[in-house]
């Protein structure tokens, strides 16, 4: 059985996002999990565009071959889909992404 985790970042609380991102990157770097996926969803999207440390973690995930997802619906509504894509995030409708990952055995962790 492969160890798979889906980290959903939905908070506007910076410390929660940093904690989730730190776990995601360290899980990949140190082999704690075989697969790690991150979804940036809701208020965390806006904060991701405002905080350099969060952006650094998101970019590091891309270099670790785990491109984070961002919610297209919310990003389009708020007008920052392009900015999230520029950070390296895959801007998609995440409801389906979350559901499919859970169906495929990913354990969701929500921060």
PDB file of N, CA and C in Angstrom:
ATOM      1  N   UNK A   1       0.843  -1.197   0.000  1.00  0.00           N
ATOM      2  CA  UNK A   1       0.000   0.000   0.000  1.00  0.00           C
ATOM      3  C   UNK A   1       0.877   1.245   0.000  1.00  0.00           C
ATOM      4  N   UNK A   2       0.532   2.148  -0.850  1.00  0.00           N
ATOM      5  CA  UNK A   2       1.289   3.396  -0.933  1.00  0.00           C
ATOM      6  C   UNK A   2       0.711   4.406   0.042  1.00  0.00           C
ATOM      7  N   UNK A   3       1.575   5.213   0.617  1.00  0.00           N
ATOM      8  CA  UNK A   3       1.148   6.261   1.533  1.00  0.00           C
ATOM      9  C   UNK A   3       0.886   7.529   0.734  1.00  0.00           C
ATOM     10  N   UNK A   4      -0.371   7.982   0.789  1.00  0.00           N
ATOM     11  CA  UNK A   4      -0.780   9.130  -0.019  1.00  0.00           C
ATOM     12  C   UNK A   4      -1.554  10.108   0.857  1.00  0.00           C
ATOM     13  N   UNK A   5      -1.197  11.385   0.763  1.00  0.00           N
ATOM     14  CA  UNK A   5      -1.881  12.409   1.546  1.00  0.00           C
ATOM     15  C   UNK A   5      -2.283  13.575   0.641  1.00  0.00           C
ATOM     16  N   UNK A   6      -3.468  14.087   0.891  1.00  0.00           N
ATOM     17  CA  UNK A   6      -3.989  15.266   0.193  1.00  0.00           C
ATOM     18  C   UNK A   6      -4.103  16.372   1.223  1.00  0.00           C
ATOM     19  N   UNK A   7      -3.269  17.376   1.093  1.00  0.00           N
ATOM     20  CA  UNK A   7      -3.271  18.486   2.035  1.00  0.00           C
ATOM     21  C   UNK A   7      -4.114  19.609   1.452  1.00  0.00           C
ATOM     22  N   UNK A   8      -5.172  19.954   2.169  1.00  0.00           N
ATOM     23  CA  UNK A   8      -6.083  21.006   1.727  1.00  0.00           C
ATOM     24  C   UNK A   8      -5.836  22.232   2.596  1.00  0.00           C
ATOM     25  N   UNK A   9      -5.361  23.294   1.966  1.00  0.00           N
ATOM     26  CA  UNK A   9      -5.109  24.555   2.659  1.00  0.00           C
ATOM     27  C   UNK A   9      -6.286  25.486   2.385  1.00  0.00           C
ATOM     28  N   UNK A  10      -7.106  25.717   3.402  1.00  0.00           N
ATOM     29  CA  UNK A  10      -8.306  26.527   3.182  1.00  0.00           C
ATOM     30  C   UNK A  10      -8.424  27.687   4.153  1.00  0.00           C
ATOM     31  N   UNK A  11      -7.474  27.830   5.035  1.00  0.00           N
ATOM     32  CA  UNK A  11      -7.551  28.842   6.083  1.00  0.00           C
ATOM     33  C   UNK A  11      -6.947  30.179   5.628  1.00  0.00           C
ATOM     34  N   UNK A  12      -7.346  31.223   6.303  1.00  0.00           N
ATOM     35  CA  UNK A  12      -6.693  32.516   6.106  1.00  0.00           C
ATOM     36  C   UNK A  12      -5.645  32.745   7.200  1.00  0.00           C
ATOM     37  N   UNK A  13      -5.445  31.741   8.040  1.00  0.00           N
ATOM     38  CA  UNK A  13      -4.475  31.811   9.131  1.00  0.00           C
ATOM     39  C   UNK A  13      -3.099  31.412   8.597  1.00  0.00           C
ATOM     40  N   UNK A  14      -2.184  32.347   8.561  1.00  0.00           N
ATOM     41  CA  UNK A  14      -0.854  32.142   7.994  1.00  0.00           C
ATOM     42  C   UNK A  14      -0.130  30.960   8.637  1.00  0.00           C
ATOM     43  N   UNK A  15      -0.176  30.878   9.957  1.00  0.00           N
ATOM     44  CA  UNK A  15       0.539  29.824  10.662  1.00  0.00           C
ATOM     45  C   UNK A  15       0.026  28.436  10.265  1.00  0.00           C
ATOM     46  N   UNK A  16      -1.267  28.305  10.049  1.00  0.00           N
ATOM     47  CA  UNK A  16      -1.825  27.022   9.618  1.00  0.00           C
ATOM     48  C   UNK A  16      -1.316  26.658   8.228  1.00  0.00           C
ATOM     49  N   UNK A  17      -1.270  27.630   7.346  1.00  0.00           N
ATOM     50  CA  UNK A  17      -0.775  27.355   5.995  1.00  0.00           C
ATOM     51  C   UNK A  17       0.688  26.960   6.013  1.00  0.00           C
ATOM     52  N   UNK A  18       1.501  27.667   6.780  1.00  0.00           N
ATOM     53  CA  UNK A  18       2.927  27.344   6.881  1.00  0.00           C
ATOM     54  C   UNK A  18       3.096  25.922   7.418  1.00  0.00           C
ATOM     55  N   UNK A  19       2.307  25.567   8.439  1.00  0.00           N
ATOM     56  CA  UNK A  19       2.388  24.224   9.011  1.00  0.00           C
ATOM     57  C   UNK A  19       2.066  23.160   7.960  1.00  0.00           C
ATOM     58  N   UNK A  20       0.981  23.352   7.219  1.00  0.00           N
ATOM     59  CA  UNK A  20       0.610  22.400   6.174  1.00  0.00           C
ATOM     60  C   UNK A  20       1.648  22.309   5.077  1.00  0.00           C
ATOM     61  N   UNK A  21       2.171  23.438   4.667  1.00  0.00           N
ATOM     62  CA  UNK A  21       3.179  23.448   3.601  1.00  0.00           C
ATOM     63  C   UNK A  21       4.505  22.846   4.068  1.00  0.00           C
ATOM     64  N   UNK A  22       4.851  23.095   5.317  1.00  0.00           N
ATOM     65  CA  UNK A  22       6.072  22.518   5.866  1.00  0.00           C
ATOM     66  C   UNK A  22       5.952  20.983   5.898  1.00  0.00           C
ATOM     67  N   UNK A  23       4.794  20.490   6.327  1.00  0.00           N
ATOM     68  CA  UNK A  23       4.585  19.045   6.343  1.00  0.00           C
ATOM     69  C   UNK A  23       4.650  18.475   4.921  1.00  0.00           C
ATOM     70  N   UNK A  24       4.013  19.155   3.982  1.00  0.00           N
ATOM     71  CA  UNK A  24       4.002  18.673   2.592  1.00  0.00           C
ATOM     72  C   UNK A  24       5.413  18.583   2.027  1.00  0.00           C
ATOM     73  N   UNK A  25       6.185  19.635   2.157  1.00  0.00           N
ATOM     74  CA  UNK A  25       7.529  19.627   1.578  1.00  0.00           C
ATOM     75  C   UNK A  25       8.439  18.628   2.286  1.00  0.00           C
ATOM     76  N   UNK A  26       8.366  18.563   3.605  1.00  0.00           N
ATOM     77  CA  UNK A  26       9.211  17.616   4.332  1.00  0.00           C
ATOM     78  C   UNK A  26       8.811  16.173   4.066  1.00  0.00           C
ATOM     79  N   UNK A  27       7.522  15.926   3.865  1.00  0.00           N
ATOM     80  CA  UNK A  27       7.064  14.577   3.530  1.00  0.00           C
ATOM     81  C   UNK A  27       7.690  14.100   2.230  1.00  0.00           C
ATOM     82  N   UNK A  28       7.779  14.999   1.271  1.00  0.00           N
ATOM     83  CA  UNK A  28       8.384  14.653  -0.009  1.00  0.00           C
ATOM     84  C   UNK A  28       9.905  14.544   0.102  1.00  0.00           C
ATOM     85  N   UNK A  29      10.522  15.498   0.768  1.00  0.00           N
ATOM     86  CA  UNK A  29      11.984  15.499   0.885  1.00  0.00           C
ATOM     87  C   UNK A  29      12.513  14.273   1.629  1.00  0.00           C
ATOM     88  N   UNK A  30      11.805  13.874   2.678  1.00  0.00           N
ATOM     89  CA  UNK A  30      12.297  12.824   3.562  1.00  0.00           C
ATOM     90  C   UNK A  30      11.611  11.474   3.354  1.00  0.00           C
ATOM     91  N   UNK A  31      10.726  11.407   2.351  1.00  0.00           N
ATOM     92  CA  UNK A  31      10.088  10.140   2.036  1.00  0.00           C
ATOM     93  C   UNK A  31       9.082   9.653   3.064  1.00  0.00           C
ATOM     94  N   UNK A  32       8.506  10.578   3.842  1.00  0.00           N
ATOM     95  CA  UNK A  32       7.507  10.179   4.839  1.00  0.00           C
ATOM     96  C   UNK A  32       6.255   9.628   4.166  1.00  0.00           C
ATOM     97  N   UNK A  33       5.953  10.157   2.998  1.00  0.00           N
ATOM     98  CA  UNK A  33       4.801   9.726   2.208  1.00  0.00           C
ATOM     99  C   UNK A  33       5.275   9.496   0.780  1.00  0.00           C
ATOM    100  N   UNK A  34       4.615   8.562   0.104  1.00  0.00           N
ATOM    101  CA  UNK A  34       4.964   8.297  -1.289  1.00  0.00           C
ATOM    102  C   UNK A  34       4.435   9.382  -2.215  1.00  0.00           C
ATOM    103  N   UNK A  35       3.224   9.862  -1.930  1.00  0.00           N
ATOM    104  CA  UNK A  35       2.611  10.888  -2.762  1.00  0.00           C
ATOM    105  C   UNK A  35       1.996  11.959  -1.869  1.00  0.00           C
ATOM    106  N   UNK A  36       2.264  13.202  -2.223  1.00  0.00           N
ATOM    107  CA  UNK A  36       1.711  14.343  -1.498  1.00  0.00           C
ATOM    108  C   UNK A  36       1.135  15.305  -2.518  1.00  0.00           C
ATOM    109  N   UNK A  37      -0.122  15.633  -2.363  1.00  0.00           N
ATOM    110  CA  UNK A  37      -0.778  16.632  -3.209  1.00  0.00           C
ATOM    111  C   UNK A  37      -1.303  17.746  -2.313  1.00  0.00           C
ATOM    112  N   UNK A  38      -1.250  18.965  -2.815  1.00  0.00           N
ATOM    113  CA  UNK A  38      -1.696  20.128  -2.052  1.00  0.00           C
ATOM    114  C   UNK A  38      -2.752  20.873  -2.853  1.00  0.00           C
ATOM    115  N   UNK A  39      -3.826  21.241  -2.160  1.00  0.00           N
ATOM    116  CA  UNK A  39      -4.893  22.057  -2.753  1.00  0.00           C
ATOM    117  C   UNK A  39      -4.962  23.359  -1.974  1.00  0.00           C
ATOM    118  N   UNK A  40      -4.805  24.471  -2.677  1.00  0.00           N
ATOM    119  CA  UNK A  40      -4.949  25.802  -2.094  1.00  0.00           C
ATOM    120  C   UNK A  40      -6.361  26.255  -2.443  1.00  0.00           C
ATOM    121  N   UNK A  41      -7.170  26.466  -1.416  1.00  0.00           N
ATOM    122  CA  UNK A  41      -8.613  26.583  -1.608  1.00  0.00           C
ATOM    123  C   UNK A  41      -9.168  27.700  -0.726  1.00  0.00           C
ATOM    124  N   UNK A  42      -9.988  28.549  -1.298  1.00  0.00           N
ATOM    125  CA  UNK A  42     -10.654  29.582  -0.498  1.00  0.00           C
ATOM    126  C   UNK A  42      -9.712  30.686  -0.057  1.00  0.00           C
ATOM    127  N   UNK A  43      -9.836  31.114   1.218  1.00  0.00           N
ATOM    128  CA  UNK A  43      -9.061  32.254   1.711  1.00  0.00           C
ATOM    129  C   UNK A  43      -7.549  32.070   1.602  1.00  0.00           C
ATOM    130  N   UNK A  44      -7.083  30.835   1.582  1.00  0.00           N
ATOM    131  CA  UNK A  44      -5.637  30.605   1.492  1.00  0.00           C
ATOM    132  C   UNK A  44      -5.070  31.078   0.156  1.00  0.00           C
ATOM    133  N   UNK A  45      -5.914  31.145  -0.861  1.00  0.00           N
ATOM    134  CA  UNK A  45      -5.436  31.599  -2.174  1.00  0.00           C
ATOM    135  C   UNK A  45      -4.986  33.054  -2.116  1.00  0.00           C
ATOM    136  N   UNK A  46      -5.782  33.885  -1.504  1.00  0.00           N
ATOM    137  CA  UNK A  46      -5.433  35.304  -1.399  1.00  0.00           C
ATOM    138  C   UNK A  46      -4.155  35.469  -0.578  1.00  0.00           C
ATOM    139  N   UNK A  47      -4.082  34.769   0.553  1.00  0.00           N
ATOM    140  CA  UNK A  47      -2.904  34.853   1.407  1.00  0.00           C
ATOM    141  C   UNK A  47      -1.652  34.366   0.679  1.00  0.00           C
ATOM    142  N   UNK A  48      -1.800  33.358  -0.159  1.00  0.00           N
ATOM    143  CA  UNK A  48      -0.667  32.838  -0.924  1.00  0.00           C
ATOM    144  C   UNK A  48      -0.061  33.887  -1.838  1.00  0.00           C
ATOM    145  N   UNK A  49      -0.880  34.780  -2.311  1.00  0.00           N
ATOM    146  CA  UNK A  49      -0.388  35.838  -3.201  1.00  0.00           C
ATOM    147  C   UNK A  49       0.257  36.986  -2.436  1.00  0.00           C
ATOM    148  N   UNK A  50       0.038  37.043  -1.136  1.00  0.00           N
ATOM    149  CA  UNK A  50       0.526  38.163  -0.325  1.00  0.00           C
ATOM    150  C   UNK A  50       1.754  37.824   0.516  1.00  0.00           C
ATOM    151  N   UNK A  51       2.094  36.551   0.635  1.00  0.00           N
ATOM    152  CA  UNK A  51       3.120  36.128   1.587  1.00  0.00           C
ATOM    153  C   UNK A  51       4.279  35.422   0.878  1.00  0.00           C
ATOM    154  N   UNK A  52       5.459  35.986   0.983  1.00  0.00           N
ATOM    155  CA  UNK A  52       6.633  35.454   0.289  1.00  0.00           C
ATOM    156  C   UNK A  52       7.039  34.069   0.790  1.00  0.00           C
ATOM    157  N   UNK A  53       6.913  33.800   2.076  1.00  0.00           N
ATOM    158  CA  UNK A  53       7.298  32.493   2.606  1.00  0.00           C
ATOM    159  C   UNK A  53       6.366  31.397   2.090  1.00  0.00           C
ATOM    160  N   UNK A  54       5.074  31.686   2.051  1.00  0.00           N
ATOM    161  CA  UNK A  54       4.106  30.736   1.495  1.00  0.00           C
ATOM    162  C   UNK A  54       4.421  30.487   0.024  1.00  0.00           C
ATOM    163  N   UNK A  55       4.715  31.543  -0.714  1.00  0.00           N
ATOM    164  CA  UNK A  55       5.059  31.401  -2.125  1.00  0.00           C
ATOM    165  C   UNK A  55       6.296  30.530  -2.304  1.00  0.00           C
ATOM    166  N   UNK A  56       7.274  30.686  -1.423  1.00  0.00           N
ATOM    167  CA  UNK A  56       8.499  29.874  -1.516  1.00  0.00           C
ATOM    168  C   UNK A  56       8.185  28.389  -1.322  1.00  0.00           C
ATOM    169  N   UNK A  57       7.325  28.080  -0.360  1.00  0.00           N
ATOM    170  CA  UNK A  57       6.928  26.677  -0.152  1.00  0.00           C
ATOM    171  C   UNK A  57       6.188  26.136  -1.371  1.00  0.00           C
ATOM    172  N   UNK A  58       5.279  26.921  -1.931  1.00  0.00           N
ATOM    173  CA  UNK A  58       4.521  26.463  -3.097  1.00  0.00           C
ATOM    174  C   UNK A  58       5.455  26.193  -4.276  1.00  0.00           C
ATOM    175  N   UNK A  59       6.407  27.075  -4.491  1.00  0.00           N
ATOM    176  CA  UNK A  59       7.373  26.889  -5.576  1.00  0.00           C
ATOM    177  C   UNK A  59       8.257  25.666  -5.324  1.00  0.00           C
ATOM    178  N   UNK A  60       8.598  25.430  -4.059  1.00  0.00           N
ATOM    179  CA  UNK A  60       9.409  24.259  -3.737  1.00  0.00           C
ATOM    180  C   UNK A  60       8.646  22.971  -4.039  1.00  0.00           C
ATOM    181  N   UNK A  61       7.344  22.958  -3.775  1.00  0.00           N
ATOM    182  CA  UNK A  61       6.541  21.775  -4.106  1.00  0.00           C
ATOM    183  C   UNK A  61       6.619  21.466  -5.591  1.00  0.00           C
ATOM    184  N   UNK A  62       6.607  22.501  -6.414  1.00  0.00           N
ATOM    185  CA  UNK A  62       6.717  22.304  -7.862  1.00  0.00           C
ATOM    186  C   UNK A  62       8.050  21.647  -8.191  1.00  0.00           C
ATOM    187  N   UNK A  63       9.122  22.099  -7.554  1.00  0.00           N
ATOM    188  CA  UNK A  63      10.440  21.504  -7.822  1.00  0.00           C
ATOM    189  C   UNK A  63      10.529  20.069  -7.311  1.00  0.00           C
ATOM    190  N   UNK A  64       9.669  19.715  -6.362  1.00  0.00           N
ATOM    191  CA  UNK A  64       9.629  18.352  -5.828  1.00  0.00           C
ATOM    192  C   UNK A  64       8.628  17.476  -6.589  1.00  0.00           C
ATOM    193  N   UNK A  65       8.203  17.966  -7.736  1.00  0.00           N
ATOM    194  CA  UNK A  65       7.269  17.243  -8.617  1.00  0.00           C
ATOM    195  C   UNK A  65       5.894  17.014  -8.002  1.00  0.00           C
ATOM    196  N   UNK A  66       5.426  17.988  -7.254  1.00  0.00           N
ATOM    197  CA  UNK A  66       4.083  17.920  -6.682  1.00  0.00           C
ATOM    198  C   UNK A  66       3.414  19.283  -6.858  1.00  0.00           C
ATOM    199  N   UNK A  67       3.005  19.580  -8.074  1.00  0.00           N
ATOM    200  CA  UNK A  67       2.411  20.875  -8.380  1.00  0.00           C
ATOM    201  C   UNK A  67       1.109  21.056  -7.607  1.00  0.00           C
ATOM    202  N   UNK A  68       1.017  22.123  -6.799  1.00  0.00           N
ATOM    203  CA  UNK A  68      -0.212  22.375  -6.041  1.00  0.00           C
ATOM    204  C   UNK A  68      -1.362  22.789  -6.964  1.00  0.00           C
ATOM    205  N   UNK A  69      -2.555  22.497  -6.506  1.00  0.00           N
ATOM    206  CA  UNK A  69      -3.767  22.920  -7.200  1.00  0.00           C
ATOM    207  C   UNK A  69      -4.316  24.172  -6.515  1.00  0.00           C
ATOM    208  N   UNK A  70      -4.976  25.018  -7.294  1.00  0.00           N
ATOM    209  CA  UNK A  70      -5.712  26.154  -6.746  1.00  0.00           C
ATOM    210  C   UNK A  70      -7.112  26.139  -7.339  1.00  0.00           C
ATOM    211  N   UNK A  71      -8.070  26.655  -6.585  1.00  0.00           N
ATOM    212  CA  UNK A  71      -9.466  26.638  -7.011  1.00  0.00           C
ATOM    213  C   UNK A  71      -9.735  27.693  -8.085  1.00  0.00           C
ATOM    214  N   UNK A  72     -10.057  27.229  -9.273  1.00  0.00           N
ATOM    215  CA  UNK A  72     -10.325  28.118 -10.402  1.00  0.00           C
ATOM    216  C   UNK A  72     -11.566  28.984 -10.164  1.00  0.00           C
ATOM    217  N   UNK A  73     -12.610  28.407  -9.612  1.00  0.00           N
ATOM    218  CA  UNK A  73     -13.846  29.167  -9.408  1.00  0.00           C
ATOM    219  C   UNK A  73     -13.588  30.391  -8.525  1.00  0.00           C
ATOM    220  N   UNK A  74     -12.955  30.165  -7.384  1.00  0.00           N
ATOM    221  CA  UNK A  74     -12.689  31.281  -6.473  1.00  0.00           C
ATOM    222  C   UNK A  74     -11.690  32.248  -7.089  1.00  0.00           C
ATOM    223  N   UNK A  75     -10.650  31.725  -7.713  1.00  0.00           N
ATOM    224  CA  UNK A  75      -9.635  32.588  -8.321  1.00  0.00           C
ATOM    225  C   UNK A  75     -10.233  33.457  -9.425  1.00  0.00           C
ATOM    226  N   UNK A  76     -11.118  32.875 -10.226  1.00  0.00           N
ATOM    227  CA  UNK A  76     -11.770  33.659 -11.279  1.00  0.00           C
ATOM    228  C   UNK A  76     -12.676  34.732 -10.676  1.00  0.00           C
ATOM    229  N   UNK A  77     -13.414  34.370  -9.633  1.00  0.00           N
ATOM    230  CA  UNK A  77     -14.309  35.327  -8.975  1.00  0.00           C
ATOM    231  C   UNK A  77     -13.539  36.504  -8.388  1.00  0.00           C
ATOM    232  N   UNK A  78     -12.363  36.212  -7.854  1.00  0.00           N
ATOM    233  CA  UNK A  78     -11.551  37.252  -7.204  1.00  0.00           C
ATOM    234  C   UNK A  78     -10.572  37.919  -8.174  1.00  0.00           C
ATOM    235  N   UNK A  79     -10.437  37.353  -9.375  1.00  0.00           N
ATOM    236  CA  UNK A  79      -9.610  37.973 -10.398  1.00  0.00           C
ATOM    237  C   UNK A  79      -8.116  37.710 -10.281  1.00  0.00           C
ATOM    238  N   UNK A  80      -7.714  36.579  -9.701  1.00  0.00           N
ATOM    239  CA  UNK A  80      -6.282  36.328  -9.607  1.00  0.00           C
ATOM    240  C   UNK A  80      -5.854  34.945 -10.094  1.00  0.00           C
ATOM    241  N   UNK A  81      -6.581  34.377 -11.034  1.00  0.00           N
ATOM    242  CA  UNK A  81      -6.196  33.077 -11.603  1.00  0.00           C
ATOM    243  C   UNK A  81      -4.799  33.131 -12.226  1.00  0.00           C
ATOM    244  N   UNK A  82      -4.528  34.185 -12.975  1.00  0.00           N
ATOM    245  CA  UNK A  82      -3.228  34.320 -13.634  1.00  0.00           C
ATOM    246  C   UNK A  82      -2.087  34.421 -12.652  1.00  0.00           C
ATOM    247  N   UNK A  83      -2.299  35.137 -11.569  1.00  0.00           N
ATOM    248  CA  UNK A  83      -1.241  35.278 -10.564  1.00  0.00           C
ATOM    249  C   UNK A  83      -0.925  33.939  -9.898  1.00  0.00           C
ATOM    250  N   UNK A  84      -1.949  33.139  -9.634  1.00  0.00           N
ATOM    251  CA  UNK A  84      -1.715  31.819  -9.043  1.00  0.00           C
ATOM    252  C   UNK A  84      -0.988  30.908 -10.027  1.00  0.00           C
ATOM    253  N   UNK A  85      -1.383  30.970 -11.280  1.00  0.00           N
ATOM    254  CA  UNK A  85      -0.705  30.178 -12.307  1.00  0.00           C
ATOM    255  C   UNK A  85       0.763  30.605 -12.428  1.00  0.00           C
ATOM    256  N   UNK A  86       1.027  31.903 -12.305  1.00  0.00           N
ATOM    257  CA  UNK A  86       2.402  32.402 -12.371  1.00  0.00           C
ATOM    258  C   UNK A  86       3.268  31.864 -11.235  1.00  0.00           C
ATOM    259  N   UNK A  87       2.630  31.522 -10.105  1.00  0.00           N
ATOM    260  CA  UNK A  87       3.365  30.926  -8.984  1.00  0.00           C
ATOM    261  C   UNK A  87       3.654  29.439  -9.226  1.00  0.00           C
ATOM    262  N   UNK A  88       3.062  28.893 -10.284  1.00  0.00           N
ATOM    263  CA  UNK A  88       3.284  27.493 -10.606  1.00  0.00           C
ATOM    264  C   UNK A  88       2.151  26.575 -10.208  1.00  0.00           C
ATOM    265  N   UNK A  89       1.035  27.143  -9.703  1.00  0.00           N
ATOM    266  CA  UNK A  89      -0.101  26.334  -9.299  1.00  0.00           C
ATOM    267  C   UNK A  89      -0.932  25.942 -10.511  1.00  0.00           C
ATOM    268  N   UNK A  90      -1.554  24.794 -10.423  1.00  0.00           N
ATOM    269  CA  UNK A  90      -2.465  24.307 -11.452  1.00  0.00           C
ATOM    270  C   UNK A  90      -3.861  24.801 -11.062  1.00  0.00           C
ATOM    271  N   UNK A  91      -4.367  25.802 -11.762  1.00  0.00           N
ATOM    272  CA  UNK A  91      -5.640  26.433 -11.418  1.00  0.00           C
ATOM    273  C   UNK A  91      -6.764  25.665 -12.110  1.00  0.00           C
ATOM    274  N   UNK A  92      -7.507  24.896 -11.296  1.00  0.00           N
ATOM    275  CA  UNK A  92      -8.547  23.998 -11.801  1.00  0.00           C
ATOM    276  C   UNK A  92      -9.741  24.035 -10.843  1.00  0.00           C
ATOM    277  N   UNK A  93     -10.841  23.435 -11.278  1.00  0.00           N
ATOM    278  CA  UNK A  93     -11.988  23.278 -10.387  1.00  0.00           C
ATOM    279  C   UNK A  93     -11.660  22.153  -9.412  1.00  0.00           C
ATOM    280  N   UNK A  94     -11.424  22.495  -8.157  1.00  0.00           N
ATOM    281  CA  UNK A  94     -10.842  21.535  -7.218  1.00  0.00           C
ATOM    282  C   UNK A  94     -11.839  20.573  -6.577  1.00  0.00           C
ATOM    283  N   UNK A  95     -13.122  20.813  -6.704  1.00  0.00           N
ATOM    284  CA  UNK A  95     -14.085  19.870  -6.143  1.00  0.00           C
ATOM    285  C   UNK A  95     -13.880  18.478  -6.695  1.00  0.00           C
ATOM    286  N   UNK A  96     -13.718  18.388  -7.987  1.00  0.00           N
ATOM    287  CA  UNK A  96     -13.474  17.099  -8.634  1.00  0.00           C
ATOM    288  C   UNK A  96     -12.115  16.542  -8.230  1.00  0.00           C
ATOM    289  N   UNK A  97     -11.106  17.400  -8.192  1.00  0.00           N
ATOM    290  CA  UNK A  97      -9.751  16.970  -7.827  1.00  0.00           C
ATOM    291  C   UNK A  97      -9.745  16.370  -6.422  1.00  0.00           C
ATOM    292  N   UNK A  98     -10.362  17.056  -5.476  1.00  0.00           N
ATOM    293  CA  UNK A  98     -10.407  16.561  -4.099  1.00  0.00           C
ATOM    294  C   UNK A  98     -11.131  15.217  -4.045  1.00  0.00           C
ATOM    295  N   UNK A  99     -12.289  15.148  -4.669  1.00  0.00           N
ATOM    296  CA  UNK A  99     -13.086  13.913  -4.646  1.00  0.00           C
ATOM    297  C   UNK A  99     -12.333  12.746  -5.262  1.00  0.00           C
ATOM    298  N   UNK A 100     -11.702  12.960  -6.406  1.00  0.00           N
ATOM    299  CA  UNK A 100     -10.975  11.880  -7.078  1.00  0.00           C
ATOM    300  C   UNK A 100      -9.774  11.408  -6.252  1.00  0.00           C
ATOM    301  N   UNK A 101      -9.069  12.336  -5.636  1.00  0.00           N
ATOM    302  CA  UNK A 101      -7.928  11.923  -4.818  1.00  0.00           C
ATOM    303  C   UNK A 101      -8.380  11.095  -3.617  1.00  0.00           C
ATOM    304  N   UNK A 102      -9.453  11.493  -2.980  1.00  0.00           N
ATOM    305  CA  UNK A 102      -9.958  10.722  -1.838  1.00  0.00           C
ATOM    306  C   UNK A 102     -10.401   9.335  -2.299  1.00  0.00           C
ATOM    307  N   UNK A 103     -11.110   9.267  -3.437  1.00  0.00           N
ATOM    308  CA  UNK A 103     -11.531   7.966  -3.979  1.00  0.00           C
ATOM    309  C   UNK A 103     -10.338   7.076  -4.300  1.00  0.00           C
ATOM    310  N   UNK A 104      -9.204   7.699  -4.629  1.00  0.00           N
ATOM    311  CA  UNK A 104      -7.999   6.960  -4.986  1.00  0.00           C
ATOM    312  C   UNK A 104      -7.074   6.707  -3.800  1.00  0.00           C
ATOM    313  N   UNK A 105      -7.618   6.855  -2.595  1.00  0.00           N
ATOM    314  CA  UNK A 105      -6.867   6.462  -1.414  1.00  0.00           C
ATOM    315  C   UNK A 105      -6.048   7.528  -0.740  1.00  0.00           C
ATOM    316  N   UNK A 106      -6.140   8.760  -1.163  1.00  0.00           N
ATOM    317  CA  UNK A 106      -5.428   9.832  -0.493  1.00  0.00           C
ATOM    318  C   UNK A 106      -6.159  10.189   0.811  1.00  0.00           C
ATOM    319  N   UNK A 107      -5.399  10.358   1.876  1.00  0.00           N
ATOM    320  CA  UNK A 107      -5.966  10.767   3.147  1.00  0.00           C
ATOM    321  C   UNK A 107      -5.957  12.290   3.194  1.00  0.00           C
ATOM    322  N   UNK A 108      -7.120  12.920   3.399  1.00  0.00           N
ATOM    323  CA  UNK A 108      -7.153  14.392   3.438  1.00  0.00           C
ATOM    324  C   UNK A 108      -6.712  14.935   4.809  1.00  0.00           C
ATOM    325  N   UNK A 109      -5.847  15.926   4.769  1.00  0.00           N
ATOM    326  CA  UNK A 109      -5.474  16.713   5.945  1.00  0.00           C
ATOM    327  C   UNK A 109      -5.843  18.144   5.625  1.00  0.00           C
ATOM    328  N   UNK A 110      -6.604  18.777   6.496  1.00  0.00           N
ATOM    329  CA  UNK A 110      -7.093  20.128   6.223  1.00  0.00           C
ATOM    330  C   UNK A 110      -6.457  21.104   7.200  1.00  0.00           C
ATOM    331  N   UNK A 111      -5.860  22.135   6.635  1.00  0.00           N
ATOM    332  CA  UNK A 111      -5.242  23.213   7.430  1.00  0.00           C
ATOM    333  C   UNK A 111      -5.934  24.518   7.116  1.00  0.00           C
TER     334      UNK A 111
END
